[in-house]
Amino acid sequence: VNVAQPVRFSRKCPTGWHHYEGTASCYRVYLNGENYW
């Protein structure tokens, strides 16, 4: 049978977001021009 292998999890953010390990956070730029509020 297929033996379970150690897994390296590849993503901690949804698609389109960039992950930074130092803050355990995800970041995304939205291009649609909006005012601050």
PDB file of all heavy atoms in Angstrom:
ATOM      1  N   VAL A   1       0.847  -1.197   0.000  1.00  0.00           N
ATOM      2  CA  VAL A   1       0.000   0.000   0.000  1.00  0.00           C
ATOM      3  C   VAL A   1       0.879   1.242   0.000  1.00  0.00           C
ATOM      4  O   VAL A   1       2.079   1.184   0.237  1.00  0.00           O
ATOM      5  CB  VAL A   1      -0.930   0.019   1.233  1.00  0.00           C
ATOM      6  CG1 VAL A   1      -1.915  -1.127   1.197  1.00  0.00           C
ATOM      7  CG2 VAL A   1      -0.125  -0.005   2.520  1.00  0.00           C
ATOM      8  N   ASN A   2       0.250   2.374  -0.296  1.00  0.00           N
ATOM      9  CA  ASN A   2       0.984   3.632  -0.273  1.00  0.00           C
ATOM     10  C   ASN A   2       1.287   4.013   1.174  1.00  0.00           C
ATOM     11  O   ASN A   2       0.389   4.170   1.981  1.00  0.00           O
ATOM     12  CB  ASN A   2       0.145   4.740  -0.915  1.00  0.00           C
ATOM     13  CG  ASN A   2      -0.151   4.432  -2.363  1.00  0.00           C
ATOM     14  OD1 ASN A   2       0.700   3.906  -3.069  1.00  0.00           O
ATOM     15  ND2 ASN A   2      -1.359   4.745  -2.802  1.00  0.00           N
ATOM     16  N   VAL A   3       2.543   4.185   1.496  1.00  0.00           N
ATOM     17  CA  VAL A   3       2.951   4.492   2.864  1.00  0.00           C
ATOM     18  C   VAL A   3       2.919   6.002   3.069  1.00  0.00           C
ATOM     19  O   VAL A   3       3.349   6.763   2.211  1.00  0.00           O
ATOM     20  CB  VAL A   3       4.373   3.951   3.130  1.00  0.00           C
ATOM     21  CG1 VAL A   3       4.819   4.286   4.551  1.00  0.00           C
ATOM     22  CG2 VAL A   3       4.404   2.444   2.908  1.00  0.00           C
ATOM     23  N   ALA A   4       2.386   6.423   4.209  1.00  0.00           N
ATOM     24  CA  ALA A   4       2.316   7.861   4.489  1.00  0.00           C
ATOM     25  C   ALA A   4       3.719   8.440   4.591  1.00  0.00           C
ATOM     26  O   ALA A   4       4.583   7.883   5.254  1.00  0.00           O
ATOM     27  CB  ALA A   4       1.563   8.093   5.795  1.00  0.00           C
ATOM     28  N   GLN A   5       3.938   9.541   3.912  1.00  0.00           N
ATOM     29  CA  GLN A   5       5.230  10.201   3.902  1.00  0.00           C
ATOM     30  C   GLN A   5       5.141  11.503   4.699  1.00  0.00           C
ATOM     31  O   GLN A   5       4.070  12.089   4.814  1.00  0.00           O
ATOM     32  CB  GLN A   5       5.643  10.518   2.463  1.00  0.00           C
ATOM     33  CG  GLN A   5       5.765   9.296   1.568  1.00  0.00           C
ATOM     34  CD  GLN A   5       6.909   8.408   1.978  1.00  0.00           C
ATOM     35  OE1 GLN A   5       7.928   8.883   2.469  1.00  0.00           O
ATOM     36  NE2 GLN A   5       6.737   7.107   1.803  1.00  0.00           N
ATOM     37  N   PRO A   6       6.270  11.995   5.246  1.00  0.00           N
ATOM     38  CA  PRO A   6       6.238  13.318   5.875  1.00  0.00           C
ATOM     39  C   PRO A   6       5.799  14.358   4.849  1.00  0.00           C
ATOM     40  O   PRO A   6       6.245  14.336   3.702  1.00  0.00           O
ATOM     41  CB  PRO A   6       7.692  13.548   6.298  1.00  0.00           C
ATOM     42  CG  PRO A   6       8.306  12.188   6.346  1.00  0.00           C
ATOM     43  CD  PRO A   6       7.598  11.378   5.303  1.00  0.00           C
ATOM     44  N   VAL A   7       4.918  15.235   5.248  1.00  0.00           N
ATOM     45  CA  VAL A   7       4.342  16.203   4.317  1.00  0.00           C
ATOM     46  C   VAL A   7       4.847  17.597   4.666  1.00  0.00           C
ATOM     47  O   VAL A   7       4.839  18.004   5.820  1.00  0.00           O
ATOM     48  CB  VAL A   7       2.802  16.184   4.384  1.00  0.00           C
ATOM     49  CG1 VAL A   7       2.208  17.278   3.505  1.00  0.00           C
ATOM     50  CG2 VAL A   7       2.282  14.830   3.958  1.00  0.00           C
ATOM     51  N   ARG A   8       5.289  18.330   3.653  1.00  0.00           N
ATOM     52  CA  ARG A   8       5.642  19.738   3.842  1.00  0.00           C
ATOM     53  C   ARG A   8       4.466  20.554   3.328  1.00  0.00           C
ATOM     54  O   ARG A   8       4.183  20.573   2.142  1.00  0.00           O
ATOM     55  CB  ARG A   8       6.912  20.081   3.052  1.00  0.00           C
ATOM     56  CG  ARG A   8       7.385  21.506   3.270  1.00  0.00           C
ATOM     57  CD  ARG A   8       8.725  21.709   2.576  1.00  0.00           C
ATOM     58  NE  ARG A   8       9.217  23.056   2.820  1.00  0.00           N
ATOM     59  CZ  ARG A   8       8.930  24.100   2.073  1.00  0.00           C
ATOM     60  NH1 ARG A   8       8.147  23.951   1.022  1.00  0.00           N
ATOM     61  NH2 ARG A   8       9.417  25.295   2.347  1.00  0.00           N
ATOM     62  N   PHE A   9       3.765  21.224   4.238  1.00  0.00           N
ATOM     63  CA  PHE A   9       2.565  21.952   3.844  1.00  0.00           C
ATOM     64  C   PHE A   9       2.972  23.165   3.035  1.00  0.00           C
ATOM     65  O   PHE A   9       3.785  23.976   3.465  1.00  0.00           O
ATOM     66  CB  PHE A   9       1.760  22.346   5.080  1.00  0.00           C
ATOM     67  CG  PHE A   9       1.367  21.162   5.906  1.00  0.00           C
ATOM     68  CD1 PHE A   9       1.889  20.954   7.159  1.00  0.00           C
ATOM     69  CD2 PHE A   9       0.495  20.218   5.393  1.00  0.00           C
ATOM     70  CE1 PHE A   9       1.540  19.847   7.909  1.00  0.00           C
ATOM     71  CE2 PHE A   9       0.129  19.113   6.126  1.00  0.00           C
ATOM     72  CZ  PHE A   9       0.659  18.925   7.384  1.00  0.00           C
ATOM     73  N   SER A  10       2.399  23.282   1.846  1.00  0.00           N
ATOM     74  CA  SER A  10       2.911  24.254   0.888  1.00  0.00           C
ATOM     75  C   SER A  10       2.249  25.613   0.992  1.00  0.00           C
ATOM     76  O   SER A  10       2.794  26.589   0.521  1.00  0.00           O
ATOM     77  CB  SER A  10       2.730  23.710  -0.535  1.00  0.00           C
ATOM     78  OG  SER A  10       1.363  23.447  -0.776  1.00  0.00           O
ATOM     79  N   ARG A  11       1.073  25.707   1.603  1.00  0.00           N
ATOM     80  CA  ARG A  11       0.394  26.989   1.598  1.00  0.00           C
ATOM     81  C   ARG A  11      -0.352  27.227   2.899  1.00  0.00           C
ATOM     82  O   ARG A  11      -1.006  26.339   3.419  1.00  0.00           O
ATOM     83  CB  ARG A  11      -0.610  27.030   0.447  1.00  0.00           C
ATOM     84  CG  ARG A  11       0.021  27.063  -0.920  1.00  0.00           C
ATOM     85  CD  ARG A  11       0.201  28.492  -1.394  1.00  0.00           C
ATOM     86  NE  ARG A  11      -1.093  29.062  -1.727  1.00  0.00           N
ATOM     87  CZ  ARG A  11      -1.801  28.718  -2.794  1.00  0.00           C
ATOM     88  NH1 ARG A  11      -1.344  27.834  -3.634  1.00  0.00           N
ATOM     89  NH2 ARG A  11      -2.968  29.266  -3.030  1.00  0.00           N
ATOM     90  N   LYS A  12      -0.221  28.422   3.440  1.00  0.00           N
ATOM     91  CA  LYS A  12      -0.965  28.803   4.631  1.00  0.00           C
ATOM     92  C   LYS A  12      -1.841  30.011   4.340  1.00  0.00           C
ATOM     93  O   LYS A  12      -2.391  30.613   5.255  1.00  0.00           O
ATOM     94  CB  LYS A  12       0.006  29.110   5.766  1.00  0.00           C
ATOM     95  CG  LYS A  12       0.835  27.898   6.180  1.00  0.00           C
ATOM     96  CD  LYS A  12       1.878  28.269   7.211  1.00  0.00           C
ATOM     97  CE  LYS A  12       2.718  27.045   7.566  1.00  0.00           C
ATOM     98  NZ  LYS A  12       3.790  27.377   8.509  1.00  0.00           N
ATOM     99  N   CYS A  13      -1.935  30.365   3.081  1.00  0.00           N
ATOM    100  CA  CYS A  13      -2.740  31.520   2.678  1.00  0.00           C
ATOM    101  C   CYS A  13      -3.611  31.128   1.489  1.00  0.00           C
ATOM    102  O   CYS A  13      -3.231  30.267   0.696  1.00  0.00           O
ATOM    103  CB  CYS A  13      -1.850  32.687   2.265  1.00  0.00           C
ATOM    104  SG  CYS A  13      -0.763  33.289   3.566  1.00  0.00           S
ATOM    105  N   PRO A  14      -4.760  31.774   1.338  1.00  0.00           N
ATOM    106  CA  PRO A  14      -5.579  31.524   0.151  1.00  0.00           C
ATOM    107  C   PRO A  14      -4.845  31.953  -1.124  1.00  0.00           C
ATOM    108  O   PRO A  14      -3.873  32.702  -1.074  1.00  0.00           O
ATOM    109  CB  PRO A  14      -6.820  32.400   0.389  1.00  0.00           C
ATOM    110  CG  PRO A  14      -6.811  32.701   1.855  1.00  0.00           C
ATOM    111  CD  PRO A  14      -5.388  32.706   2.276  1.00  0.00           C
ATOM    112  N   THR A  15      -5.321  31.482  -2.270  1.00  0.00           N
ATOM    113  CA  THR A  15      -4.727  31.859  -3.547  1.00  0.00           C
ATOM    114  C   THR A  15      -4.742  33.378  -3.705  1.00  0.00           C
ATOM    115  O   THR A  15      -5.722  34.037  -3.397  1.00  0.00           O
ATOM    116  CB  THR A  15      -5.520  31.208  -4.694  1.00  0.00           C
ATOM    117  OG1 THR A  15      -5.406  29.786  -4.568  1.00  0.00           O
ATOM    118  CG2 THR A  15      -4.966  31.622  -6.053  1.00  0.00           C
ATOM    119  N   GLY A  16      -3.618  33.913  -4.193  1.00  0.00           N
ATOM    120  CA  GLY A  16      -3.506  35.353  -4.397  1.00  0.00           C
ATOM    121  C   GLY A  16      -2.874  36.088  -3.231  1.00  0.00           C
ATOM    122  O   GLY A  16      -2.556  37.267  -3.347  1.00  0.00           O
ATOM    123  N   TRP A  17      -2.678  35.393  -2.100  1.00  0.00           N
ATOM    124  CA  TRP A  17      -2.074  36.009  -0.921  1.00  0.00           C
ATOM    125  C   TRP A  17      -0.634  35.526  -0.781  1.00  0.00           C
ATOM    126  O   TRP A  17      -0.303  34.404  -1.152  1.00  0.00           O
ATOM    127  CB  TRP A  17      -2.864  35.661   0.332  1.00  0.00           C
ATOM    128  CG  TRP A  17      -4.246  36.220   0.365  1.00  0.00           C
ATOM    129  CD1 TRP A  17      -5.317  35.808  -0.387  1.00  0.00           C
ATOM    130  CD2 TRP A  17      -4.728  37.300   1.175  1.00  0.00           C
ATOM    131  NE1 TRP A  17      -6.429  36.558  -0.090  1.00  0.00           N
ATOM    132  CE2 TRP A  17      -6.093  37.483   0.876  1.00  0.00           C
ATOM    133  CE3 TRP A  17      -4.141  38.128   2.142  1.00  0.00           C
ATOM    134  CZ2 TRP A  17      -6.876  38.458   1.496  1.00  0.00           C
ATOM    135  CZ3 TRP A  17      -4.917  39.083   2.761  1.00  0.00           C
ATOM    136  CH2 TRP A  17      -6.262  39.252   2.439  1.00  0.00           C
ATOM    137  N   HIS A  18       0.227  36.377  -0.215  1.00  0.00           N
ATOM    138  CA  HIS A  18       1.636  36.048   0.007  1.00  0.00           C
ATOM    139  C   HIS A  18       1.852  35.804   1.499  1.00  0.00           C
ATOM    140  O   HIS A  18       1.415  36.603   2.328  1.00  0.00           O
ATOM    141  CB  HIS A  18       2.539  37.193  -0.452  1.00  0.00           C
ATOM    142  CG  HIS A  18       2.501  37.437  -1.931  1.00  0.00           C
ATOM    143  ND1 HIS A  18       3.624  37.402  -2.733  1.00  0.00           N
ATOM    144  CD2 HIS A  18       1.476  37.731  -2.767  1.00  0.00           C
ATOM    145  CE1 HIS A  18       3.289  37.658  -3.988  1.00  0.00           C
ATOM    146  NE2 HIS A  18       1.996  37.863  -4.025  1.00  0.00           N
ATOM    147  N   HIS A  19       2.539  34.713   1.826  1.00  0.00           N
ATOM    148  CA  HIS A  19       2.742  34.345   3.225  1.00  0.00           C
ATOM    149  C   HIS A  19       4.114  34.806   3.710  1.00  0.00           C
ATOM    150  O   HIS A  19       5.111  34.667   3.017  1.00  0.00           O
ATOM    151  CB  HIS A  19       2.643  32.825   3.394  1.00  0.00           C
ATOM    152  CG  HIS A  19       2.819  32.364   4.801  1.00  0.00           C
ATOM    153  ND1 HIS A  19       3.958  31.740   5.256  1.00  0.00           N
ATOM    154  CD2 HIS A  19       1.999  32.465   5.882  1.00  0.00           C
ATOM    155  CE1 HIS A  19       3.830  31.461   6.535  1.00  0.00           C
ATOM    156  NE2 HIS A  19       2.657  31.888   6.948  1.00  0.00           N
ATOM    157  N   TYR A  20       4.141  35.370   4.935  1.00  0.00           N
ATOM    158  CA  TYR A  20       5.405  35.758   5.570  1.00  0.00           C
ATOM    159  C   TYR A  20       5.487  35.054   6.917  1.00  0.00           C
ATOM    160  O   TYR A  20       4.672  35.289   7.808  1.00  0.00           O
ATOM    161  CB  TYR A  20       5.474  37.272   5.742  1.00  0.00           C
ATOM    162  CG  TYR A  20       6.711  37.752   6.479  1.00  0.00           C
ATOM    163  CD1 TYR A  20       7.984  37.362   6.062  1.00  0.00           C
ATOM    164  CD2 TYR A  20       6.601  38.583   7.589  1.00  0.00           C
ATOM    165  CE1 TYR A  20       9.117  37.793   6.736  1.00  0.00           C
ATOM    166  CE2 TYR A  20       7.730  39.023   8.263  1.00  0.00           C
ATOM    167  CZ  TYR A  20       8.978  38.630   7.831  1.00  0.00           C
ATOM    168  OH  TYR A  20      10.109  39.060   8.495  1.00  0.00           O
ATOM    169  N   GLU A  21       6.486  34.190   7.055  1.00  0.00           N
ATOM    170  CA  GLU A  21       6.625  33.362   8.251  1.00  0.00           C
ATOM    171  C   GLU A  21       6.889  34.203   9.490  1.00  0.00           C
ATOM    172  O   GLU A  21       6.463  33.866  10.600  1.00  0.00           O
ATOM    173  CB  GLU A  21       7.779  32.369   8.045  1.00  0.00           C
ATOM    174  CG  GLU A  21       7.792  31.214   9.021  1.00  0.00           C
ATOM    175  CD  GLU A  21       6.676  30.211   8.760  1.00  0.00           C
ATOM    176  OE1 GLU A  21       6.504  29.786   7.601  1.00  0.00           O
ATOM    177  OE2 GLU A  21       5.975  29.879   9.734  1.00  0.00           O
ATOM    178  N   GLY A  22       7.612  35.330   9.300  1.00  0.00           N
ATOM    179  CA  GLY A  22       8.008  36.142  10.445  1.00  0.00           C
ATOM    180  C   GLY A  22       6.853  36.674  11.263  1.00  0.00           C
ATOM    181  O   GLY A  22       6.974  36.880  12.472  1.00  0.00           O
ATOM    182  N   THR A  23       5.711  36.905  10.619  1.00  0.00           N
ATOM    183  CA  THR A  23       4.536  37.403  11.342  1.00  0.00           C
ATOM    184  C   THR A  23       3.358  36.434  11.274  1.00  0.00           C
ATOM    185  O   THR A  23       2.286  36.743  11.791  1.00  0.00           O
ATOM    186  CB  THR A  23       4.080  38.751  10.757  1.00  0.00           C
ATOM    187  OG1 THR A  23       3.783  38.573   9.364  1.00  0.00           O
ATOM    188  CG2 THR A  23       5.145  39.816  10.919  1.00  0.00           C
ATOM    189  N   ALA A  24       3.569  35.286  10.630  1.00  0.00           N
ATOM    190  CA  ALA A  24       2.483  34.311  10.433  1.00  0.00           C
ATOM    191  C   ALA A  24       1.268  35.003   9.825  1.00  0.00           C
ATOM    192  O   ALA A  24       0.135  34.810  10.268  1.00  0.00           O
ATOM    193  CB  ALA A  24       2.121  33.615  11.736  1.00  0.00           C
ATOM    194  N   SER A  25       1.530  35.802   8.780  1.00  0.00           N
ATOM    195  CA  SER A  25       0.465  36.597   8.170  1.00  0.00           C
ATOM    196  C   SER A  25       0.445  36.408   6.658  1.00  0.00           C
ATOM    197  O   SER A  25       1.411  35.942   6.050  1.00  0.00           O
ATOM    198  CB  SER A  25       0.654  38.087   8.488  1.00  0.00           C
ATOM    199  OG  SER A  25       0.581  38.313   9.876  1.00  0.00           O
ATOM    200  N   CYS A  26      -0.693  36.795   6.076  1.00  0.00           N
ATOM    201  CA  CYS A  26      -0.890  36.750   4.632  1.00  0.00           C
ATOM    202  C   CYS A  26      -1.153  38.176   4.130  1.00  0.00           C
ATOM    203  O   CYS A  26      -1.806  38.963   4.827  1.00  0.00           O
ATOM    204  CB  CYS A  26      -2.086  35.867   4.289  1.00  0.00           C
ATOM    205  SG  CYS A  26      -1.999  34.186   4.980  1.00  0.00           S
ATOM    206  N   TYR A  27      -0.678  38.472   2.930  1.00  0.00           N
ATOM    207  CA  TYR A  27      -0.777  39.826   2.380  1.00  0.00           C
ATOM    208  C   TYR A  27      -1.285  39.757   0.947  1.00  0.00           C
ATOM    209  O   TYR A  27      -0.908  38.868   0.186  1.00  0.00           O
ATOM    210  CB  TYR A  27       0.592  40.516   2.377  1.00  0.00           C
ATOM    211  CG  TYR A  27       1.274  40.515   3.722  1.00  0.00           C
ATOM    212  CD1 TYR A  27       1.964  39.390   4.169  1.00  0.00           C
ATOM    213  CD2 TYR A  27       1.224  41.620   4.554  1.00  0.00           C
ATOM    214  CE1 TYR A  27       2.584  39.376   5.413  1.00  0.00           C
ATOM    215  CE2 TYR A  27       1.848  41.619   5.802  1.00  0.00           C
ATOM    216  CZ  TYR A  27       2.522  40.489   6.210  1.00  0.00           C
ATOM    217  OH  TYR A  27       3.129  40.471   7.444  1.00  0.00           O
ATOM    218  N   ARG A  28      -2.098  40.740   0.592  1.00  0.00           N
ATOM    219  CA  ARG A  28      -2.598  40.791  -0.780  1.00  0.00           C
ATOM    220  C   ARG A  28      -2.819  42.238  -1.198  1.00  0.00           C
ATOM    221  O   ARG A  28      -3.352  43.042  -0.438  1.00  0.00           O
ATOM    222  CB  ARG A  28      -3.917  40.027  -0.904  1.00  0.00           C
ATOM    223  CG  ARG A  28      -4.483  40.061  -2.323  1.00  0.00           C
ATOM    224  CD  ARG A  28      -5.726  39.209  -2.466  1.00  0.00           C
ATOM    225  NE  ARG A  28      -6.271  39.312  -3.802  1.00  0.00           N
ATOM    226  CZ  ARG A  28      -7.339  38.651  -4.232  1.00  0.00           C
ATOM    227  NH1 ARG A  28      -7.968  37.817  -3.410  1.00  0.00           N
ATOM    228  NH2 ARG A  28      -7.783  38.801  -5.460  1.00  0.00           N
ATOM    229  N   VAL A  29      -2.392  42.558  -2.427  1.00  0.00           N
ATOM    230  CA  VAL A  29      -2.655  43.878  -3.010  1.00  0.00           C
ATOM    231  C   VAL A  29      -3.931  43.795  -3.836  1.00  0.00           C
ATOM    232  O   VAL A  29      -4.097  42.882  -4.652  1.00  0.00           O
ATOM    233  CB  VAL A  29      -1.475  44.334  -3.891  1.00  0.00           C
ATOM    234  CG1 VAL A  29      -1.882  45.517  -4.766  1.00  0.00           C
ATOM    235  CG2 VAL A  29      -0.292  44.729  -3.022  1.00  0.00           C
ATOM    236  N   TYR A  30      -4.847  44.717  -3.599  1.00  0.00           N
ATOM    237  CA  TYR A  30      -6.063  44.838  -4.399  1.00  0.00           C
ATOM    238  C   TYR A  30      -5.883  46.018  -5.350  1.00  0.00           C
ATOM    239  O   TYR A  30      -5.533  47.127  -4.935  1.00  0.00           O
ATOM    240  CB  TYR A  30      -7.288  45.068  -3.511  1.00  0.00           C
ATOM    241  CG  TYR A  30      -7.761  43.807  -2.827  1.00  0.00           C
ATOM    242  CD1 TYR A  30      -7.146  43.342  -1.670  1.00  0.00           C
ATOM    243  CD2 TYR A  30      -8.810  43.052  -3.355  1.00  0.00           C
ATOM    244  CE1 TYR A  30      -7.569  42.184  -1.049  1.00  0.00           C
ATOM    245  CE2 TYR A  30      -9.242  41.892  -2.740  1.00  0.00           C
ATOM    246  CZ  TYR A  30      -8.621  41.463  -1.596  1.00  0.00           C
ATOM    247  OH  TYR A  30      -9.036  40.306  -0.973  1.00  0.00           O
ATOM    248  N   LEU A  31      -6.127  45.767  -6.617  1.00  0.00           N
ATOM    249  CA  LEU A  31      -5.842  46.767  -7.648  1.00  0.00           C
ATOM    250  C   LEU A  31      -7.000  47.696  -7.923  1.00  0.00           C
ATOM    251  O   LEU A  31      -6.805  48.771  -8.479  1.00  0.00           O
ATOM    252  CB  LEU A  31      -5.452  46.053  -8.956  1.00  0.00           C
ATOM    253  CG  LEU A  31      -4.209  45.169  -8.847  1.00  0.00           C
ATOM    254  CD1 LEU A  31      -4.017  44.382 -10.118  1.00  0.00           C
ATOM    255  CD2 LEU A  31      -2.995  46.017  -8.549  1.00  0.00           C
ATOM    256  N   ASN A  32      -8.222  47.278  -7.573  1.00  0.00           N
ATOM    257  CA  ASN A  32      -9.367  48.136  -7.869  1.00  0.00           C
ATOM    258  C   ASN A  32      -9.232  49.409  -7.036  1.00  0.00           C
ATOM    259  O   ASN A  32      -9.153  49.360  -5.819  1.00  0.00           O
ATOM    260  CB  ASN A  32     -10.684  47.422  -7.560  1.00  0.00           C
ATOM    261  CG  ASN A  32     -10.629  46.662  -6.249  1.00  0.00           C
ATOM    262  OD1 ASN A  32      -9.667  45.976  -5.966  1.00  0.00           O
ATOM    263  ND2 ASN A  32     -11.662  46.809  -5.437  1.00  0.00           N
ATOM    264  N   GLY A  33      -9.158  50.554  -7.705  1.00  0.00           N
ATOM    265  CA  GLY A  33      -8.915  51.806  -7.007  1.00  0.00           C
ATOM    266  C   GLY A  33     -10.078  52.168  -6.103  1.00  0.00           C
ATOM    267  O   GLY A  33     -11.217  52.305  -6.558  1.00  0.00           O
ATOM    268  N   GLU A  34      -9.817  52.298  -4.808  1.00  0.00           N
ATOM    269  CA  GLU A  34     -10.849  52.668  -3.852  1.00  0.00           C
ATOM    270  C   GLU A  34     -10.312  53.748  -2.926  1.00  0.00           C
ATOM    271  O   GLU A  34      -9.101  53.844  -2.713  1.00  0.00           O
ATOM    272  CB  GLU A  34     -11.284  51.443  -3.031  1.00  0.00           C
ATOM    273  CG  GLU A  34     -11.948  50.357  -3.872  1.00  0.00           C
ATOM    274  CD  GLU A  34     -12.481  49.202  -3.030  1.00  0.00           C
ATOM    275  OE1 GLU A  34     -12.355  49.269  -1.785  1.00  0.00           O
ATOM    276  OE2 GLU A  34     -13.006  48.239  -3.612  1.00  0.00           O
ATOM    277  N   ASN A  35     -11.229  54.568  -2.378  1.00  0.00           N
ATOM    278  CA  ASN A  35     -10.758  55.504  -1.373  1.00  0.00           C
ATOM    279  C   ASN A  35     -10.437  54.732  -0.093  1.00  0.00           C
ATOM    280  O   ASN A  35     -10.716  53.536   0.025  1.00  0.00           O
ATOM    281  CB  ASN A  35     -11.767  56.644  -1.158  1.00  0.00           C
ATOM    282  CG  ASN A  35     -13.056  56.185  -0.491  1.00  0.00           C
ATOM    283  OD1 ASN A  35     -13.056  55.411   0.460  1.00  0.00           O
ATOM    284  ND2 ASN A  35     -14.189  56.680  -0.997  1.00  0.00           N
ATOM    285  N   TYR A  36      -9.822  55.430   0.843  1.00  0.00           N
ATOM    286  CA  TYR A  36      -9.313  54.764   2.042  1.00  0.00           C
ATOM    287  C   TYR A  36     -10.409  54.023   2.797  1.00  0.00           C
ATOM    288  O   TYR A  36     -10.236  52.875   3.208  1.00  0.00           O
ATOM    289  CB  TYR A  36      -8.661  55.810   2.944  1.00  0.00           C
ATOM    290  CG  TYR A  36      -7.854  55.230   4.083  1.00  0.00           C
ATOM    291  CD1 TYR A  36      -6.516  54.896   3.897  1.00  0.00           C
ATOM    292  CD2 TYR A  36      -8.420  55.016   5.339  1.00  0.00           C
ATOM    293  CE1 TYR A  36      -5.766  54.371   4.934  1.00  0.00           C
ATOM    294  CE2 TYR A  36      -7.681  54.483   6.379  1.00  0.00           C
ATOM    295  CZ  TYR A  36      -6.354  54.165   6.173  1.00  0.00           C
ATOM    296  OH  TYR A  36      -5.616  53.631   7.203  1.00  0.00           O
ATOM    297  N   TRP A  37     -11.563  54.661   2.964  1.00  0.00           N
ATOM    298  CA  TRP A  37     -12.627  54.071   3.772  1.00  0.00           C
ATOM    299  C   TRP A  37     -13.225  52.841   3.095  1.00  0.00           C
ATOM    300  O   TRP A  37     -13.540  51.843   3.757  1.00  0.00           O
ATOM    301  CB  TRP A  37     -13.717  55.116   4.048  1.00  0.00           C
ATOM    302  CG  TRP A  37     -13.124  56.436   4.436  1.00  0.00           C
ATOM    303  CD1 TRP A  37     -13.184  57.606   3.741  1.00  0.00           C
ATOM    304  CD2 TRP A  37     -12.326  56.719   5.598  1.00  0.00           C
ATOM    305  NE1 TRP A  37     -12.497  58.597   4.385  1.00  0.00           N
ATOM    306  CE2 TRP A  37     -11.963  58.090   5.538  1.00  0.00           C
ATOM    307  CE3 TRP A  37     -11.899  55.959   6.691  1.00  0.00           C
ATOM    308  CZ2 TRP A  37     -11.192  58.709   6.513  1.00  0.00           C
ATOM    309  CZ3 TRP A  37     -11.126  56.576   7.663  1.00  0.00           C
ATOM    310  CH2 TRP A  37     -10.778  57.929   7.579  1.00  0.00           C
TER     311      TRP A  37
END
